């Protein structure tokens, strides 16, 4: 993942239903990937169903990914306040 980002891969590129790499990583429970992506991705970006990466992780019962996404979203919200 780090090599892709270093090569210029877009962390906010979208796929089906406007899902980003962060959405997909959170939904699959890939906490390490979520951690890497939250450093640069739009952590509060909603897909076409208005779900965020945190919503996806929580819906799947993926506690580690949900906690990581939640912490990133909280930090992002605090920095814009």
PDB file of N, CA and C in Angstrom:
ATOM      1  N   UNK A   1       0.821  -1.177   0.000  1.00  0.00           N
ATOM      2  CA  UNK A   1       0.000   0.000   0.000  1.00  0.00           C
ATOM      3  C   UNK A   1       0.868   1.245   0.000  1.00  0.00           C
ATOM      4  N   UNK A   2       1.864   1.265   0.840  1.00  0.00           N
ATOM      5  CA  UNK A   2       2.736   2.439   0.913  1.00  0.00           C
ATOM      6  C   UNK A   2       3.429   2.703  -0.424  1.00  0.00           C
ATOM      7  N   UNK A   3       3.824   1.634  -1.124  1.00  0.00           N
ATOM      8  CA  UNK A   3       4.482   1.799  -2.429  1.00  0.00           C
ATOM      9  C   UNK A   3       3.523   2.412  -3.446  1.00  0.00           C
ATOM     10  N   UNK A   4       2.269   1.989  -3.419  1.00  0.00           N
ATOM     11  CA  UNK A   4       1.274   2.566  -4.329  1.00  0.00           C
ATOM     12  C   UNK A   4       1.068   4.048  -4.045  1.00  0.00           C
ATOM     13  N   UNK A   5       0.978   4.386  -2.784  1.00  0.00           N
ATOM     14  CA  UNK A   5       0.796   5.795  -2.424  1.00  0.00           C
ATOM     15  C   UNK A   5       2.015   6.624  -2.809  1.00  0.00           C
ATOM     16  N   UNK A   6       3.198   6.066  -2.594  1.00  0.00           N
ATOM     17  CA  UNK A   6       4.426   6.770  -2.969  1.00  0.00           C
ATOM     18  C   UNK A   6       4.517   6.975  -4.480  1.00  0.00           C
ATOM     19  N   UNK A   7       3.913   6.065  -5.231  1.00  0.00           N
ATOM     20  CA  UNK A   7       3.926   6.169  -6.689  1.00  0.00           C
ATOM     21  C   UNK A   7       2.826   7.095  -7.212  1.00  0.00           C
ATOM     22  N   UNK A   8       2.022   7.638  -6.303  1.00  0.00           N
ATOM     23  CA  UNK A   8       1.020   8.606  -6.707  1.00  0.00           C
ATOM     24  C   UNK A   8      -0.393   8.083  -6.847  1.00  0.00           C
ATOM     25  N   UNK A   9      -0.669   6.881  -6.350  1.00  0.00           N
ATOM     26  CA  UNK A   9      -2.038   6.356  -6.416  1.00  0.00           C
ATOM     27  C   UNK A   9      -2.973   7.271  -5.633  1.00  0.00           C
ATOM     28  N   UNK A  10      -4.152   7.483  -6.156  1.00  0.00           N
ATOM     29  CA  UNK A  10      -5.127   8.363  -5.509  1.00  0.00           C
ATOM     30  C   UNK A  10      -5.819   7.645  -4.362  1.00  0.00           C
ATOM     31  N   UNK A  11      -5.721   8.212  -3.170  1.00  0.00           N
ATOM     32  CA  UNK A  11      -6.387   7.602  -2.012  1.00  0.00           C
ATOM     33  C   UNK A  11      -7.884   7.869  -2.024  1.00  0.00           C
ATOM     34  N   UNK A  12      -8.326   8.822  -2.820  1.00  0.00           N
ATOM     35  CA  UNK A  12      -9.742   9.154  -2.876  1.00  0.00           C
ATOM     36  C   UNK A  12     -10.397   8.762  -4.203  1.00  0.00           C
ATOM     37  N   UNK A  13      -9.732   7.923  -4.977  1.00  0.00           N
ATOM     38  CA  UNK A  13     -10.343   7.407  -6.213  1.00  0.00           C
ATOM     39  C   UNK A  13     -11.590   6.626  -5.828  1.00  0.00           C
ATOM     40  N   UNK A  14     -12.585   6.634  -6.700  1.00  0.00           N
ATOM     41  CA  UNK A  14     -13.810   5.911  -6.369  1.00  0.00           C
ATOM     42  C   UNK A  14     -14.060   4.771  -7.344  1.00  0.00           C
ATOM     43  N   UNK A  15     -14.743   3.767  -6.818  1.00  0.00           N
ATOM     44  CA  UNK A  15     -15.138   2.597  -7.613  1.00  0.00           C
ATOM     45  C   UNK A  15     -16.661   2.546  -7.614  1.00  0.00           C
ATOM     46  N   UNK A  16     -17.195   1.359  -7.769  1.00  0.00           N
ATOM     47  CA  UNK A  16     -18.649   1.187  -7.762  1.00  0.00           C
ATOM     48  C   UNK A  16     -19.256   1.833  -6.522  1.00  0.00           C
ATOM     49  N   UNK A  17     -20.370   2.493  -6.714  1.00  0.00           N
ATOM     50  CA  UNK A  17     -21.122   3.131  -5.632  1.00  0.00           C
ATOM     51  C   UNK A  17     -20.312   4.204  -4.900  1.00  0.00           C
ATOM     52  N   UNK A  18     -19.363   4.803  -5.592  1.00  0.00           N
ATOM     53  CA  UNK A  18     -18.523   5.881  -5.039  1.00  0.00           C
ATOM     54  C   UNK A  18     -17.711   5.450  -3.823  1.00  0.00           C
ATOM     55  N   UNK A  19     -17.362   4.183  -3.755  1.00  0.00           N
ATOM     56  CA  UNK A  19     -16.559   3.698  -2.633  1.00  0.00           C
ATOM     57  C   UNK A  19     -15.083   3.947  -2.909  1.00  0.00           C
ATOM     58  N   UNK A  20     -14.391   4.387  -1.873  1.00  0.00           N
ATOM     59  CA  UNK A  20     -12.957   4.681  -1.956  1.00  0.00           C
ATOM     60  C   UNK A  20     -12.151   3.487  -1.437  1.00  0.00           C
ATOM     61  N   UNK A  21     -10.845   3.508  -1.655  1.00  0.00           N
ATOM     62  CA  UNK A  21     -10.019   2.435  -1.078  1.00  0.00           C
ATOM     63  C   UNK A  21     -10.206   2.323   0.437  1.00  0.00           C
ATOM     64  N   UNK A  22     -10.385   3.465   1.117  1.00  0.00           N
ATOM     65  CA  UNK A  22     -10.599   3.431   2.560  1.00  0.00           C
ATOM     66  C   UNK A  22     -11.913   2.734   2.904  1.00  0.00           C
ATOM     67  N   UNK A  23     -12.974   2.997   2.145  1.00  0.00           N
ATOM     68  CA  UNK A  23     -14.246   2.302   2.359  1.00  0.00           C
ATOM     69  C   UNK A  23     -14.055   0.790   2.276  1.00  0.00           C
ATOM     70  N   UNK A  24     -13.377   0.370   1.237  1.00  0.00           N
ATOM     71  CA  UNK A  24     -13.222  -1.064   0.986  1.00  0.00           C
ATOM     72  C   UNK A  24     -12.342  -1.708   2.058  1.00  0.00           C
ATOM     73  N   UNK A  25     -11.249  -1.051   2.423  1.00  0.00           N
ATOM     74  CA  UNK A  25     -10.379  -1.595   3.466  1.00  0.00           C
ATOM     75  C   UNK A  25     -11.112  -1.690   4.801  1.00  0.00           C
ATOM     76  N   UNK A  26     -11.889  -0.668   5.137  1.00  0.00           N
ATOM     77  CA  UNK A  26     -12.647  -0.686   6.392  1.00  0.00           C
ATOM     78  C   UNK A  26     -13.699  -1.792   6.377  1.00  0.00           C
ATOM     79  N   UNK A  27     -14.390  -1.943   5.258  1.00  0.00           N
ATOM     80  CA  UNK A  27     -15.426  -2.969   5.147  1.00  0.00           C
ATOM     81  C   UNK A  27     -14.868  -4.376   5.256  1.00  0.00           C
ATOM     82  N   UNK A  28     -13.635  -4.557   4.810  1.00  0.00           N
ATOM     83  CA  UNK A  28     -13.003  -5.878   4.845  1.00  0.00           C
ATOM     84  C   UNK A  28     -12.232  -6.118   6.139  1.00  0.00           C
ATOM     85  N   UNK A  29     -12.136  -5.090   6.998  1.00  0.00           N
ATOM     86  CA  UNK A  29     -11.450  -5.252   8.276  1.00  0.00           C
ATOM     87  C   UNK A  29      -9.939  -5.184   8.206  1.00  0.00           C
ATOM     88  N   UNK A  30      -9.407  -4.559   7.172  1.00  0.00           N
ATOM     89  CA  UNK A  30      -7.959  -4.447   7.009  1.00  0.00           C
ATOM     90  C   UNK A  30      -7.448  -3.230   7.783  1.00  0.00           C
ATOM     91  N   UNK A  31      -7.277  -3.418   9.098  1.00  0.00           N
ATOM     92  CA  UNK A  31      -6.932  -2.309   9.980  1.00  0.00           C
ATOM     93  C   UNK A  31      -5.610  -1.646   9.611  1.00  0.00           C
ATOM     94  N   UNK A  32      -4.613  -2.421   9.212  1.00  0.00           N
ATOM     95  CA  UNK A  32      -3.317  -1.832   8.848  1.00  0.00           C
ATOM     96  C   UNK A  32      -3.464  -0.938   7.620  1.00  0.00           C
ATOM     97  N   UNK A  33      -4.242  -1.370   6.651  1.00  0.00           N
ATOM     98  CA  UNK A  33      -4.470  -0.562   5.451  1.00  0.00           C
ATOM     99  C   UNK A  33      -5.280   0.679   5.800  1.00  0.00           C
ATOM    100  N   UNK A  34      -6.277   0.526   6.665  1.00  0.00           N
ATOM    101  CA  UNK A  34      -7.061   1.678   7.119  1.00  0.00           C
ATOM    102  C   UNK A  34      -6.142   2.701   7.767  1.00  0.00           C
ATOM    103  N   UNK A  35      -5.217   2.245   8.586  1.00  0.00           N
ATOM    104  CA  UNK A  35      -4.282   3.150   9.254  1.00  0.00           C
ATOM    105  C   UNK A  35      -3.453   3.929   8.239  1.00  0.00           C
ATOM    106  N   UNK A  36      -2.938   3.252   7.230  1.00  0.00           N
ATOM    107  CA  UNK A  36      -2.133   3.916   6.200  1.00  0.00           C
ATOM    108  C   UNK A  36      -2.981   4.923   5.420  1.00  0.00           C
ATOM    109  N   UNK A  37      -4.172   4.511   5.014  1.00  0.00           N
ATOM    110  CA  UNK A  37      -5.014   5.365   4.189  1.00  0.00           C
ATOM    111  C   UNK A  37      -5.548   6.580   4.935  1.00  0.00           C
ATOM    112  N   UNK A  38      -5.809   6.444   6.233  1.00  0.00           N
ATOM    113  CA  UNK A  38      -6.366   7.577   6.971  1.00  0.00           C
ATOM    114  C   UNK A  38      -5.392   8.741   7.084  1.00  0.00           C
ATOM    115  N   UNK A  39      -4.130   8.498   6.831  1.00  0.00           N
ATOM    116  CA  UNK A  39      -3.154   9.593   6.869  1.00  0.00           C
ATOM    117  C   UNK A  39      -3.370  10.584   5.727  1.00  0.00           C
ATOM    118  N   UNK A  40      -3.991  10.135   4.630  1.00  0.00           N
ATOM    119  CA  UNK A  40      -4.140  11.011   3.465  1.00  0.00           C
ATOM    120  C   UNK A  40      -5.547  11.049   2.877  1.00  0.00           C
ATOM    121  N   UNK A  41      -6.371  10.087   3.189  1.00  0.00           N
ATOM    122  CA  UNK A  41      -7.702   9.993   2.561  1.00  0.00           C
ATOM    123  C   UNK A  41      -8.717  10.912   3.226  1.00  0.00           C
ATOM    124  N   UNK A  42      -9.799  11.152   2.521  1.00  0.00           N
ATOM    125  CA  UNK A  42     -10.937  11.888   3.078  1.00  0.00           C
ATOM    126  C   UNK A  42     -11.723  10.905   3.940  1.00  0.00           C
ATOM    127  N   UNK A  43     -11.465  10.935   5.237  1.00  0.00           N
ATOM    128  CA  UNK A  43     -12.008   9.904   6.122  1.00  0.00           C
ATOM    129  C   UNK A  43     -13.508  10.003   6.338  1.00  0.00           C
ATOM    130  N   UNK A  44     -14.092  11.141   6.073  1.00  0.00           N
ATOM    131  CA  UNK A  44     -15.534  11.301   6.253  1.00  0.00           C
ATOM    132  C   UNK A  44     -16.305  11.280   4.937  1.00  0.00           C
ATOM    133  N   UNK A  45     -15.652  10.882   3.845  1.00  0.00           N
ATOM    134  CA  UNK A  45     -16.314  10.838   2.541  1.00  0.00           C
ATOM    135  C   UNK A  45     -17.380   9.743   2.542  1.00  0.00           C
ATOM    136  N   UNK A  46     -18.566  10.098   2.082  1.00  0.00           N
ATOM    137  CA  UNK A  46     -19.668   9.137   2.034  1.00  0.00           C
ATOM    138  C   UNK A  46     -19.794   8.564   0.625  1.00  0.00           C
ATOM    139  N   UNK A  47     -20.187   7.288   0.567  1.00  0.00           N
ATOM    140  CA  UNK A  47     -20.424   6.652  -0.729  1.00  0.00           C
ATOM    141  C   UNK A  47     -21.824   6.995  -1.223  1.00  0.00           C
ATOM    142  N   UNK A  48     -22.272   6.374  -2.284  1.00  0.00           N
ATOM    143  CA  UNK A  48     -23.576   6.710  -2.863  1.00  0.00           C
ATOM    144  C   UNK A  48     -24.744   6.321  -1.952  1.00  0.00           C
ATOM    145  N   UNK A  49     -24.472   5.529  -0.917  1.00  0.00           N
ATOM    146  CA  UNK A  49     -25.497   5.178   0.065  1.00  0.00           C
ATOM    147  C   UNK A  49     -25.404   6.053   1.312  1.00  0.00           C
ATOM    148  N   UNK A  50     -24.511   7.042   1.262  1.00  0.00           N
ATOM    149  CA  UNK A  50     -24.246   7.957   2.369  1.00  0.00           C
ATOM    150  C   UNK A  50     -23.577   7.271   3.558  1.00  0.00           C
ATOM    151  N   UNK A  51     -22.876   6.165   3.302  1.00  0.00           N
ATOM    152  CA  UNK A  51     -22.110   5.471   4.331  1.00  0.00           C
ATOM    153  C   UNK A  51     -20.663   5.927   4.276  1.00  0.00           C
ATOM    154  N   UNK A  52     -20.048   6.069   5.437  1.00  0.00           N
ATOM    155  CA  UNK A  52     -18.636   6.424   5.537  1.00  0.00           C
ATOM    156  C   UNK A  52     -17.824   5.160   5.826  1.00  0.00           C
ATOM    157  N   UNK A  53     -16.496   5.245   5.763  1.00  0.00           N
ATOM    158  CA  UNK A  53     -15.685   4.076   6.119  1.00  0.00           C
ATOM    159  C   UNK A  53     -15.999   3.551   7.528  1.00  0.00           C
ATOM    160  N   UNK A  54     -16.258   4.462   8.464  1.00  0.00           N
ATOM    161  CA  UNK A  54     -16.614   4.033   9.813  1.00  0.00           C
ATOM    162  C   UNK A  54     -17.912   3.230   9.793  1.00  0.00           C
ATOM    163  N   UNK A  55     -18.900   3.689   9.043  1.00  0.00           N
ATOM    164  CA  UNK A  55     -20.161   2.954   8.929  1.00  0.00           C
ATOM    165  C   UNK A  55     -19.919   1.543   8.403  1.00  0.00           C
ATOM    166  N   UNK A  56     -19.085   1.438   7.371  1.00  0.00           N
ATOM    167  CA  UNK A  56     -18.807   0.135   6.752  1.00  0.00           C
ATOM    168  C   UNK A  56     -18.145  -0.822   7.746  1.00  0.00           C
ATOM    169  N   UNK A  57     -17.145  -0.322   8.478  1.00  0.00           N
ATOM    170  CA  UNK A  57     -16.442  -1.177   9.436  1.00  0.00           C
ATOM    171  C   UNK A  57     -17.362  -1.592  10.572  1.00  0.00           C
ATOM    172  N   UNK A  58     -18.140  -0.646  11.077  1.00  0.00           N
ATOM    173  CA  UNK A  58     -19.042  -0.950  12.188  1.00  0.00           C
ATOM    174  C   UNK A  58     -20.121  -1.945  11.760  1.00  0.00           C
ATOM    175  N   UNK A  59     -20.660  -1.787  10.562  1.00  0.00           N
ATOM    176  CA  UNK A  59     -21.709  -2.681  10.079  1.00  0.00           C
ATOM    177  C   UNK A  59     -21.211  -4.119   9.970  1.00  0.00           C
ATOM    178  N   UNK A  60     -19.935  -4.267   9.687  1.00  0.00           N
ATOM    179  CA  UNK A  60     -19.366  -5.602   9.559  1.00  0.00           C
ATOM    180  C   UNK A  60     -18.869  -6.175  10.873  1.00  0.00           C
ATOM    181  N   UNK A  61     -19.037  -5.414  11.965  1.00  0.00           N
ATOM    182  CA  UNK A  61     -18.553  -5.884  13.263  1.00  0.00           C
ATOM    183  C   UNK A  61     -17.040  -5.957  13.328  1.00  0.00           C
ATOM    184  N   UNK A  62     -16.382  -5.087  12.596  1.00  0.00           N
ATOM    185  CA  UNK A  62     -14.923  -5.121  12.493  1.00  0.00           C
ATOM    186  C   UNK A  62     -14.334  -4.072  13.435  1.00  0.00           C
ATOM    187  N   UNK A  63     -14.196  -4.442  14.694  1.00  0.00           N
ATOM    188  CA  UNK A  63     -13.872  -3.500  15.757  1.00  0.00           C
ATOM    189  C   UNK A  63     -12.573  -2.734  15.533  1.00  0.00           C
ATOM    190  N   UNK A  64     -11.515  -3.396  15.139  1.00  0.00           N
ATOM    191  CA  UNK A  64     -10.232  -2.712  14.972  1.00  0.00           C
ATOM    192  C   UNK A  64     -10.305  -1.695  13.840  1.00  0.00           C
ATOM    193  N   UNK A  65     -10.865  -2.083  12.714  1.00  0.00           N
ATOM    194  CA  UNK A  65     -10.999  -1.156  11.593  1.00  0.00           C
ATOM    195  C   UNK A  65     -11.944  -0.021  11.950  1.00  0.00           C
ATOM    196  N   UNK A  66     -13.023  -0.323  12.663  1.00  0.00           N
ATOM    197  CA  UNK A  66     -13.973   0.715  13.065  1.00  0.00           C
ATOM    198  C   UNK A  66     -13.321   1.705  14.014  1.00  0.00           C
ATOM    199  N   UNK A  67     -12.548   1.215  14.969  1.00  0.00           N
ATOM    200  CA  UNK A  67     -11.865   2.101  15.902  1.00  0.00           C
ATOM    201  C   UNK A  67     -10.868   2.990  15.182  1.00  0.00           C
ATOM    202  N   UNK A  68     -10.113   2.429  14.260  1.00  0.00           N
ATOM    203  CA  UNK A  68      -9.144   3.200  13.494  1.00  0.00           C
ATOM    204  C   UNK A  68      -9.842   4.270  12.660  1.00  0.00           C
ATOM    205  N   UNK A  69     -10.922   3.898  11.980  1.00  0.00           N
ATOM    206  CA  UNK A  69     -11.669   4.860  11.168  1.00  0.00           C
ATOM    207  C   UNK A  69     -12.306   5.926  12.037  1.00  0.00           C
ATOM    208  N   UNK A  70     -12.832   5.535  13.189  1.00  0.00           N
ATOM    209  CA  UNK A  70     -13.444   6.497  14.106  1.00  0.00           C
ATOM    210  C   UNK A  70     -12.418   7.513  14.596  1.00  0.00           C
ATOM    211  N   UNK A  71     -11.253   7.028  15.008  1.00  0.00           N
ATOM    212  CA  UNK A  71     -10.210   7.929  15.490  1.00  0.00           C
ATOM    213  C   UNK A  71      -9.772   8.909  14.410  1.00  0.00           C
ATOM    214  N   UNK A  72      -9.648   8.441  13.188  1.00  0.00           N
ATOM    215  CA  UNK A  72      -9.256   9.318  12.083  1.00  0.00           C
ATOM    216  C   UNK A  72     -10.350  10.338  11.794  1.00  0.00           C
ATOM    217  N   UNK A  73     -11.606   9.903  11.806  1.00  0.00           N
ATOM    218  CA  UNK A  73     -12.719  10.818  11.552  1.00  0.00           C
ATOM    219  C   UNK A  73     -12.814  11.872  12.647  1.00  0.00           C
ATOM    220  N   UNK A  74     -12.599  11.463  13.882  1.00  0.00           N
ATOM    221  CA  UNK A  74     -12.631  12.415  14.998  1.00  0.00           C
ATOM    222  C   UNK A  74     -11.523  13.444  14.872  1.00  0.00           C
ATOM    223  N   UNK A  75     -10.342  12.985  14.508  1.00  0.00           N
ATOM    224  CA  UNK A  75      -9.214  13.904  14.321  1.00  0.00           C
ATOM    225  C   UNK A  75      -9.474  14.877  13.174  1.00  0.00           C
ATOM    226  N   UNK A  76     -10.077  14.369  12.110  1.00  0.00           N
ATOM    227  CA  UNK A  76     -10.387  15.229  10.962  1.00  0.00           C
ATOM    228  C   UNK A  76     -11.427  16.272  11.333  1.00  0.00           C
ATOM    229  N   UNK A  77     -12.421  15.876  12.092  1.00  0.00           N
ATOM    230  CA  UNK A  77     -13.459  16.810  12.525  1.00  0.00           C
ATOM    231  C   UNK A  77     -12.885  17.864  13.458  1.00  0.00           C
ATOM    232  N   UNK A  78     -11.992  17.454  14.348  1.00  0.00           N
ATOM    233  CA  UNK A  78     -11.380  18.404  15.283  1.00  0.00           C
ATOM    234  C   UNK A  78     -10.505  19.422  14.560  1.00  0.00           C
ATOM    235  N   UNK A  79      -9.849  18.998  13.491  1.00  0.00           N
ATOM    236  CA  UNK A  79      -8.953  19.912  12.776  1.00  0.00           C
ATOM    237  C   UNK A  79      -9.715  20.913  11.933  1.00  0.00           C
ATOM    238  N   UNK A  80     -11.002  20.646  11.645  1.00  0.00           N
ATOM    239  CA  UNK A  80     -11.790  21.580  10.851  1.00  0.00           C
ATOM    240  C   UNK A  80     -12.661  22.471  11.729  1.00  0.00           C
ATOM    241  N   UNK A  81     -12.605  22.263  13.029  1.00  0.00           N
ATOM    242  CA  UNK A  81     -13.421  23.064  13.957  1.00  0.00           C
ATOM    243  C   UNK A  81     -12.719  24.334  14.346  1.00  0.00           C
TER     244      UNK A  81
END
